[in-house]
């Protein structure tokens, strides 16, 4: 999955959450959870977009960390809706699955980005003299510049 597909996926998740919160019952508890869920779910998409525009590898690592936290927090609030019996689990099953998958994707991405941060970059002379091997080029390497 490339960054554009992941941008679309995180945005779709945010839109689905927005629509779902409109269907919640008009109670104080539902309103409080909805506000928290809306904030965290929309933050996943917004912060992922920001991570894609990061000016440095360190900034990318930091922003992906925020995305991971927000995806996990979204999952938490969805679980609260089910456990507090505000909404049946069957109606939230797909959103819970998507929150789980996004959390897993960004956890793995964060780990990989941190590992790549700890790998020293090749010197200019190494880059200039080494042959290009397309199989070793990946998107995280391209996004570091």
Protein backbone atom coordinates (compact mmCIF):
# COMPACT_ATOMS: atom_id res chain seq x y z
CA UNK A 1 0.00 0.00 0.00
CA UNK A 2 1.53 3.33 -1.03
CA UNK A 3 1.22 6.62 0.83
CA UNK A 4 -1.63 7.91 -1.36
CA UNK A 5 -3.69 4.78 -0.71
CA UNK A 6 -3.00 5.08 3.01
CA UNK A 7 -4.00 8.75 2.96
CA UNK A 8 -7.30 7.76 1.35
CA UNK A 9 -7.79 4.91 3.81
CA UNK A 10 -7.19 7.09 6.89
CA UNK A 11 -9.47 9.80 5.52
CA UNK A 12 -12.21 7.23 4.81
CA UNK A 13 -11.85 5.97 8.39
CA UNK A 14 -12.31 9.52 9.70
CA UNK A 15 -15.40 10.08 7.53
CA UNK A 16 -16.93 6.78 8.64
CA UNK A 17 -16.38 7.73 12.28
CA UNK A 18 -17.98 11.15 11.70
CA UNK A 19 -21.05 9.49 10.17
CA UNK A 20 -21.25 6.87 12.93
CA UNK A 21 -21.13 9.47 15.71
CA UNK A 22 -24.18 11.17 14.17
CA UNK A 23 -26.10 7.94 14.84
CA UNK A 24 -25.23 7.78 18.54
CA UNK A 25 -28.02 8.29 21.07
CA UNK A 26 -28.38 11.82 22.47
CA UNK A 27 -26.92 11.09 25.92
CA UNK A 28 -24.21 12.89 27.84
CA UNK A 29 -21.98 9.79 27.83
CA UNK A 30 -22.41 9.21 24.10
CA UNK A 31 -21.64 12.87 23.42
CA UNK A 32 -18.47 12.81 25.53
CA UNK A 33 -17.16 9.65 23.89
CA UNK A 34 -18.16 10.90 20.43
CA UNK A 35 -16.14 14.10 20.90
CA UNK A 36 -13.05 12.15 21.94
CA UNK A 37 -13.49 9.64 19.12
CA UNK A 38 -14.04 12.37 16.52
CA UNK A 39 -10.88 14.13 17.65
CA UNK A 40 -8.69 11.02 17.59
CA UNK A 41 -10.09 9.47 14.38
CA UNK A 42 -9.78 12.68 12.36
CA UNK A 43 -6.32 13.19 13.83
CA UNK A 44 -5.16 9.87 12.36
CA UNK A 45 -5.76 11.15 8.83
CA UNK A 46 -4.52 14.69 9.45
CA UNK A 47 -1.31 13.60 11.14
CA UNK A 48 -0.58 10.94 8.52
CA UNK A 49 -0.83 13.64 5.84
CA UNK A 50 1.54 15.78 7.91
CA UNK A 51 3.95 12.84 8.26
CA UNK A 52 4.01 12.47 4.48
CA UNK A 53 5.13 16.11 4.24
CA UNK A 54 7.78 15.80 6.97
CA UNK A 55 10.89 17.87 6.34
CA UNK A 56 13.23 15.36 7.96
CA UNK A 57 13.39 11.74 8.97
CA UNK A 58 13.17 12.71 12.64
CA UNK A 59 10.00 14.70 11.97
CA UNK A 60 8.53 11.75 10.06
CA UNK A 61 9.29 9.38 12.96
CA UNK A 62 7.68 11.78 15.45
CA UNK A 63 4.55 12.29 13.36
CA UNK A 64 4.10 8.57 12.65
CA UNK A 65 4.31 8.06 16.41
CA UNK A 66 1.42 10.50 16.86
CA UNK A 67 -0.58 8.72 14.15
CA UNK A 68 -0.05 5.39 15.95
CA UNK A 69 -1.22 6.88 19.26
CA UNK A 70 -4.32 8.43 17.69
CA UNK A 71 -5.28 5.21 15.87
CA UNK A 72 -4.95 3.28 19.12
CA UNK A 73 -6.95 5.93 20.99
CA UNK A 74 -9.69 5.69 18.36
CA UNK A 75 -9.82 1.96 18.97
CA UNK A 76 -10.09 2.62 22.71
CA UNK A 77 -13.11 4.95 22.30
CA UNK A 78 -14.82 2.47 19.96
CA UNK A 79 -14.35 -0.22 22.62
CA UNK A 80 -15.83 2.12 25.25
CA UNK A 81 -18.94 2.59 23.10
CA UNK A 82 -19.40 -1.18 22.99
CA UNK A 83 -18.54 -1.93 26.63
CA UNK A 84 -20.74 0.90 27.94
CA UNK A 85 -23.53 -0.48 25.74
CA UNK A 86 -23.96 2.81 23.93
CA UNK A 87 -23.86 1.03 20.56
CA UNK A 88 -23.98 -2.69 19.75
CA UNK A 89 -20.68 -4.30 18.78
CA UNK A 90 -22.19 -5.58 15.54
CA UNK A 91 -22.64 -1.98 14.31
CA UNK A 92 -19.06 -1.05 15.19
CA UNK A 93 -17.36 -4.27 14.08
CA UNK A 94 -15.97 -2.86 10.81
CA UNK A 95 -14.75 0.37 12.42
CA UNK A 96 -13.09 -1.59 15.22
CA UNK A 97 -11.40 -3.84 12.67
CA UNK A 98 -10.19 -0.82 10.68
CA UNK A 99 -8.88 0.89 13.83
CA UNK A 100 -7.02 -2.32 14.71
CA UNK A 101 -5.53 -2.59 11.24
CA UNK A 102 -4.50 1.07 11.12
CA UNK A 103 -2.90 0.76 14.55
CA UNK A 104 -0.96 -2.30 13.37
CA UNK A 105 0.14 -0.60 10.13
CA UNK A 106 1.38 2.52 11.88
CA UNK A 107 3.00 0.59 14.72
CA UNK A 108 5.01 -1.35 12.15
CA UNK A 109 5.76 1.82 10.19
CA UNK A 110 6.94 3.59 13.34
CA UNK A 111 9.20 0.67 14.24
CA UNK A 112 10.69 0.55 10.74
CA UNK A 113 11.19 4.32 10.65
CA UNK A 114 12.97 4.24 14.02
CA UNK A 115 15.19 1.38 12.81
CA UNK A 116 16.03 3.33 9.65
CA UNK A 117 16.81 6.42 11.74
CA UNK A 118 19.41 4.43 13.66
CA UNK A 119 21.10 3.24 10.47
CA UNK A 120 23.74 5.75 9.42
CA UNK A 121 23.22 7.29 6.02
CA UNK A 122 25.88 6.48 3.43
CA UNK A 123 28.42 9.21 2.74
CA UNK A 124 28.23 11.12 -0.52
CA UNK A 125 31.24 9.26 -1.89
CA UNK A 126 29.60 5.89 -1.12
CA UNK A 127 26.42 6.97 -2.88
CA UNK A 128 28.29 8.33 -5.90
CA UNK A 129 30.36 5.16 -6.40
CA UNK A 130 27.89 2.43 -5.50
CA UNK A 131 25.80 0.83 -8.26
CA UNK A 132 22.05 1.35 -8.06
CA UNK A 133 20.14 -1.75 -7.12
CA UNK A 134 16.43 -1.07 -7.63
CA UNK A 135 15.42 -3.99 -5.42
CA UNK A 136 16.93 -2.25 -2.36
CA UNK A 137 15.20 1.08 -2.93
CA UNK A 138 12.06 1.49 -0.86
CA UNK A 139 9.66 4.34 -0.19
CA UNK A 140 11.00 5.08 3.28
CA UNK A 141 14.43 5.67 1.74
CA UNK A 142 12.96 7.99 -0.88
CA UNK A 143 10.92 9.91 1.71
CA UNK A 144 14.01 10.63 3.84
CA UNK A 145 15.26 13.31 1.48
